[in-house]
Amino acid sequence: METPRTRHGSVAPAAACPTWGVFRVEVSGRYSNPFEQGERLRDLIEMVPKGSPEVSVGPRKQVHRRLCPAEIEELVAGYQAGATACQLADRFRIHRTTVLSLLERQSVTRRNRRLSSTEINQARELYAAGQSLAKVGKQLGAMRAPCGSSS
């Protein structure tokens, strides 16, 4: 009796067609686990440098912190009392942009330090004299320091 084959020429499994009957298929080669593979694995393990027993788990995953409605009310009240977005971010352990988007969702008007007309004219002159906008802003005290910085 000839061994049944699929359209592509490989040996068909016995369960594929009950009329073919049961036949034996020997699995060898890449599917077997010869002794040499175990020795090779042992050699690879020995190649790994001995060091700290600590396991590196990769970068820490970001924790998403959601504020409850009471905390959101507290955040809004803090902002309206004069706290900055960075201060609130540190206090509630969330990102500054999250503070700003929560304020926006609560229809809170954002406050920005506006330059006076004298400061605007001074900024215009400094910029025309060749200073960068960053230097002009720093000189006029209009630069926003990043959250968590000491300045």
Protein backbone atom coordinates (compact mmCIF):
# COMPACT_ATOMS: atom_id res chain seq x y z
CA MET A 1 0.00 0.00 0.00
CA GLU A 2 1.31 3.42 -0.97
CA THR A 3 1.77 6.09 1.74
CA PRO A 4 -0.89 8.82 1.37
CA ARG A 5 0.43 12.28 0.53
CA THR A 6 -1.08 15.76 0.47
CA ARG A 7 -1.32 17.94 -2.64
CA HIS A 8 2.13 19.32 -1.86
CA GLY A 9 3.80 15.95 -1.54
CA SER A 10 4.20 15.77 2.25
CA VAL A 11 2.98 12.76 4.17
CA ALA A 12 -0.67 13.25 5.11
CA PRO A 13 -1.61 12.83 8.78
CA ALA A 14 -3.79 9.83 9.57
CA ALA A 15 -6.57 12.01 10.96
CA ALA A 16 -6.89 13.91 7.68
CA CYS A 17 -8.72 11.08 5.90
CA PRO A 18 -10.10 8.08 7.80
CA THR A 19 -10.15 5.93 4.64
CA TRP A 20 -6.35 6.02 4.41
CA GLY A 21 -6.04 4.13 7.63
CA VAL A 22 -3.43 4.52 10.32
CA PHE A 23 0.21 4.49 9.38
CA ARG A 24 3.37 5.19 11.23
CA VAL A 25 5.39 8.39 10.71
CA GLU A 26 8.84 8.59 12.23
CA VAL A 27 9.84 11.99 13.53
CA SER A 28 13.56 12.63 13.55
CA GLY A 29 16.05 15.29 12.70
CA ARG A 30 15.09 18.73 13.95
CA TYR A 31 12.25 17.39 16.10
CA SER A 32 14.37 15.00 18.11
CA ASN A 33 16.42 16.01 21.14
CA PRO A 34 19.86 14.50 20.64
CA PHE A 35 22.50 14.53 23.35
CA GLU A 36 24.62 17.06 21.39
CA GLN A 37 21.99 19.78 21.79
CA GLY A 38 22.13 19.39 25.56
CA GLU A 39 25.92 19.71 25.51
CA ARG A 40 25.69 22.78 23.26
CA LEU A 41 23.20 24.39 25.65
CA ARG A 42 25.51 23.66 28.58
CA ASP A 43 28.40 25.30 26.67
CA LEU A 44 26.28 28.38 25.95
CA ILE A 45 25.28 28.69 29.60
CA GLU A 46 28.94 28.55 30.64
CA MET A 47 29.73 31.37 28.17
CA VAL A 48 27.45 33.78 30.03
CA PRO A 49 29.58 35.95 32.33
CA LYS A 50 29.13 35.37 36.03
CA GLY A 51 27.93 38.57 37.63
CA SER A 52 25.22 39.99 39.75
CA PRO A 53 22.50 37.51 40.66
CA GLU A 54 19.93 40.25 40.03
CA VAL A 55 17.70 39.70 37.06
CA SER A 56 17.25 42.59 34.69
CA VAL A 57 13.58 42.98 33.99
CA GLY A 58 13.94 45.78 31.45
CA PRO A 59 12.49 49.25 31.66
CA ARG A 60 9.86 49.92 34.28
CA LYS A 61 6.37 50.11 32.89
CA GLN A 62 4.56 53.39 33.20
CA VAL A 63 1.85 53.47 35.83
CA HIS A 64 -1.32 55.23 34.75
CA ARG A 65 -2.80 57.06 37.68
CA ARG A 66 -6.44 58.10 37.41
CA LEU A 67 -7.78 60.76 39.71
CA CYS A 68 -11.15 60.28 41.36
CA PRO A 69 -13.71 63.11 41.06
CA ALA A 70 -12.81 64.43 44.53
CA GLU A 71 -9.12 64.64 43.56
CA ILE A 72 -10.02 66.44 40.33
CA GLU A 73 -12.02 68.99 42.33
CA GLU A 74 -9.02 69.41 44.65
CA LEU A 75 -6.72 69.88 41.63
CA VAL A 76 -9.03 72.55 40.16
CA ALA A 77 -9.26 74.33 43.52
CA GLY A 78 -5.47 74.25 43.86
CA TYR A 79 -4.99 75.72 40.39
CA GLN A 80 -7.55 78.44 41.03
CA ALA A 81 -5.78 79.20 44.33
CA GLY A 82 -2.57 79.90 42.41
CA ALA A 83 -0.67 76.59 42.26
CA THR A 84 1.18 75.95 39.02
CA ALA A 85 0.54 72.96 36.78
CA CYS A 86 3.98 71.59 37.72
CA GLN A 87 3.25 71.87 41.44
CA LEU A 88 -0.07 70.10 41.00
CA ALA A 89 1.56 67.41 38.85
CA ASP A 90 4.07 66.69 41.61
CA ARG A 91 1.40 66.75 44.30
CA PHE A 92 -0.96 64.33 42.50
CA ARG A 93 1.86 62.25 40.93
CA ILE A 94 0.67 62.83 37.36
CA HIS A 95 2.22 64.52 34.31
CA ARG A 96 1.93 68.26 33.77
CA THR A 97 0.05 67.77 30.51
CA THR A 98 -2.44 65.55 32.35
CA VAL A 99 -3.04 68.41 34.81
CA LEU A 100 -3.64 70.80 31.91
CA SER A 101 -6.01 68.45 30.10
CA LEU A 102 -7.97 67.81 33.33
CA LEU A 103 -8.29 71.57 33.81
CA GLU A 104 -9.45 71.94 30.21
CA ARG A 105 -12.07 69.18 30.68
CA GLN A 106 -13.34 71.04 33.74
CA SER A 107 -13.57 74.26 31.65
CA VAL A 108 -11.00 76.04 33.81
CA THR A 109 -9.40 79.02 32.08
CA ARG A 110 -5.64 78.64 31.94
CA ARG A 111 -3.57 81.49 33.16
CA ASN A 112 -0.41 82.55 31.40
CA ARG A 113 1.98 85.20 32.44
CA ARG A 114 1.42 87.98 29.95
CA LEU A 115 4.13 90.45 29.06
CA SER A 116 3.40 94.11 29.61
CA SER A 117 3.57 96.46 26.64
CA THR A 118 6.96 97.71 27.91
CA GLU A 119 8.27 94.10 28.09
CA ILE A 120 6.92 93.37 24.61
CA ASN A 121 8.79 96.39 23.19
CA GLN A 122 11.95 95.35 25.06
CA ALA A 123 11.62 91.79 23.71
CA ARG A 124 11.16 93.13 20.18
CA GLU A 125 14.35 95.21 20.50
CA LEU A 126 16.39 92.33 21.93
CA TYR A 127 15.22 89.98 19.18
CA ALA A 128 15.96 92.58 16.48
CA ALA A 129 19.43 92.96 17.99
CA GLY A 130 20.08 89.28 17.25
CA GLN A 131 19.28 87.50 20.50
CA SER A 132 17.48 84.18 20.32
CA LEU A 133 13.92 83.88 21.60
CA ALA A 134 15.17 81.62 24.38
CA LYS A 135 17.61 84.28 25.58
CA VAL A 136 14.98 87.00 25.29
CA GLY A 137 12.49 84.94 27.30
CA LYS A 138 15.09 84.13 29.94
CA GLN A 139 16.12 87.77 30.24
CA LEU A 140 12.50 88.89 30.67
CA GLY A 141 11.65 86.07 33.05
CA ALA A 142 9.04 84.64 30.70
CA MET A 143 10.69 81.24 30.30
CA ARG A 144 8.80 78.30 31.71
CA ALA A 145 11.12 76.05 33.68
CA PRO A 146 10.59 72.33 33.19
CA CYS A 147 8.71 70.53 35.96
CA GLY A 148 10.97 69.20 38.68
CA SER A 149 13.80 71.63 37.94
CA SER A 150 15.20 73.75 40.72
CA SER A 151 14.99 77.05 38.86
